[in-house]
Protein backbone atom coordinates (compact mmCIF):
# COMPACT_ATOMS: atom_id res chain seq x y z
CA GLN A 1 8.38 3.40 11.89
CA LEU A 2 5.45 3.48 9.66
CA GLN A 3 2.05 5.01 9.84
CA ALA A 4 -0.52 4.46 7.15
CA PHE A 5 -3.70 6.39 6.90
CA GLY A 6 -6.23 7.50 4.40
CA GLY A 7 -8.71 4.60 4.50
CA GLY A 8 -12.37 4.88 4.66
CA LEU A 9 -15.72 3.87 3.07
CA VAL A 10 -16.19 4.31 -0.74
CA GLN A 11 -18.67 3.22 -3.33
CA ALA A 12 -17.67 0.74 -5.95
CA GLY A 13 -15.92 2.72 -8.71
CA GLY A 14 -14.77 5.34 -6.47
CA SER A 15 -11.11 6.27 -5.51
CA LEU A 16 -8.99 6.56 -2.36
CA ARG A 17 -5.50 7.59 -1.74
CA LEU A 18 -3.53 5.80 1.16
CA SER A 19 -0.53 7.34 2.38
CA CYS A 20 2.39 5.81 4.43
CA ALA A 21 4.65 8.06 6.39
CA ALA A 22 8.01 6.56 7.19
CA SER A 23 10.36 7.67 9.99
CA GLY A 24 13.64 6.62 11.56
CA ARG A 25 15.52 3.84 9.77
CA ASP A 26 12.56 3.20 7.48
CA ALA A 27 12.61 6.77 6.15
CA TYR A 28 15.16 7.66 3.52
CA ARG A 29 14.92 5.95 0.23
CA THR A 30 13.79 2.62 1.68
CA PRO A 31 11.99 0.23 -0.67
CA MET A 32 8.24 0.02 0.41
CA GLY A 33 5.34 -2.20 -0.18
CA TRP A 34 1.76 -2.36 0.24
CA PHE A 35 -0.31 -5.39 1.31
CA ARG A 36 -3.88 -6.10 2.20
CA GLN A 37 -5.88 -8.57 4.09
CA GLY A 38 -9.58 -8.90 3.33
CA PRO A 39 -12.10 -10.59 5.70
CA GLY A 40 -11.42 -14.33 6.02
CA LYS A 41 -8.47 -13.98 3.59
CA GLU A 42 -4.68 -14.25 3.91
CA ARG A 43 -2.66 -11.21 3.55
CA GLU A 44 -1.73 -10.52 -0.04
CA PHE A 45 0.66 -8.40 -1.89
CA VAL A 46 -0.63 -5.33 -3.69
CA GLY A 47 2.49 -3.54 -4.88
CA CYS A 48 5.90 -2.15 -4.12
CA ILE A 49 8.27 0.69 -5.01
CA SER A 50 11.99 0.87 -5.03
CA GLY A 51 13.91 3.42 -2.94
CA ASN A 52 14.39 5.81 -5.79
CA GLY A 53 10.84 5.28 -7.23
CA MET A 54 12.15 3.90 -10.58
CA GLY A 55 11.06 0.42 -9.91
CA ILE A 56 7.38 -0.40 -9.28
CA MET A 57 5.53 -3.72 -9.11
CA TYR A 58 1.88 -4.48 -8.83
CA ALA A 59 -0.24 -7.63 -8.21
CA ASP A 60 -2.27 -8.57 -11.18
CA SER A 61 -5.56 -7.99 -9.34
CA VAL A 62 -4.74 -4.30 -9.00
CA LYS A 63 -2.69 -3.58 -12.11
CA GLY A 64 -4.24 -0.61 -14.19
CA ARG A 65 -6.30 0.54 -11.24
CA PHE A 66 -3.76 1.21 -8.42
CA THR A 67 -0.75 3.45 -8.59
CA ILE A 68 2.19 3.51 -6.18
CA SER A 69 4.33 6.65 -5.92
CA ARG A 70 6.70 8.27 -3.33
CA ASP A 71 7.89 11.61 -2.13
CA ASN A 72 11.31 11.22 -0.73
CA VAL A 73 11.22 14.65 0.49
CA LYS A 74 8.30 13.95 2.73
CA ASN A 75 9.44 10.36 3.37
CA THR A 76 5.83 9.15 2.24
CA VAL A 77 4.64 6.44 -0.07
CA TYR A 78 1.29 6.65 -1.58
CA LEU A 79 -1.23 4.07 -3.06
CA GLN A 80 -3.79 5.70 -5.24
CA MET A 81 -6.66 3.34 -5.73
CA ASN A 82 -9.15 3.99 -8.62
CA SER A 83 -12.06 1.99 -9.90
CA LEU A 84 -12.39 0.37 -6.56
CA LYS A 85 -14.35 -2.94 -6.32
CA PRO A 86 -15.98 -4.56 -3.33
CA GLU A 87 -13.36 -7.26 -3.51
CA ASP A 88 -10.73 -4.64 -2.70
CA THR A 89 -12.24 -4.31 0.76
CA ALA A 90 -9.48 -5.05 3.22
CA VAL A 91 -7.10 -3.75 5.86
CA TYR A 92 -4.15 -2.14 4.00
CA TYR A 93 -0.68 -2.20 5.39
CA CYS A 94 2.43 -0.61 4.31
CA ALA A 95 5.69 -2.30 4.88
CA ALA A 96 9.48 -1.16 4.47
CA GLY A 97 12.81 -2.67 3.75
CA TYR A 98 12.23 -4.93 0.78
CA TYR A 99 11.40 -4.79 -2.93
CA GLY A 100 9.16 -7.63 -3.96
CA SER A 101 6.01 -9.63 -3.19
CA ASN A 102 7.31 -11.77 -0.37
CA SER A 103 6.01 -10.33 2.92
CA ASP A 104 8.84 -12.07 4.79
CA GLY A 105 11.29 -9.62 3.15
CA TYR A 106 9.98 -6.59 4.89
CA ARG A 107 11.33 -5.65 8.14
CA SER A 108 8.78 -3.06 9.42
CA TRP A 109 5.01 -2.86 9.14
CA GLY A 110 2.49 -0.10 9.69
CA GLN A 111 -0.71 -0.46 11.74
CA GLY A 112 -2.98 -0.86 8.85
CA THR A 113 -5.91 1.30 7.49
CA GLN A 114 -9.33 -0.06 6.79
CA VAL A 115 -10.73 0.32 3.18
CA THR A 116 -14.42 -0.79 2.67
CA VAL A 117 -15.89 -0.67 -0.84
CA SER A 118 -19.68 -0.87 -0.97
CA SER A 119 -21.55 -2.18 -4.01
C-alpha cells in the first residue's frame, strides 16, 4: 500500500516536498515512481528511483528542478520540487514495483496528492 502526502498551494518559484509511505509488499527496497496528471492532461511520468536508490530517472520537464530520494529505513520515497511553475500543477501519484517511465509496469498506486502552483 502507498500513501502520498505533502501537496498544497505554492507560488511560482516556490518549493514543495512530497512523501510516499509504503507498507506491505510495496515497502522494502521496491523501485518507486512518481507520476502526475494535470487538468485536462494525460498522466505523465515524473521520475523513478531504484530499490537501493542508486538509479534515478527524471522526465525532461522536471530535470534539474525535482529530486527523488528514498529512506529505506522509513520505507518512504520523496519528491523534492523546486522552482515550481504553473504547468507543474497536477495531482501527483506515487507508484511501486517498477523502474521506468511506463506506467503499466507499476503494480501499486497511491491515492494522489494535489499540487497547485499559482502564477
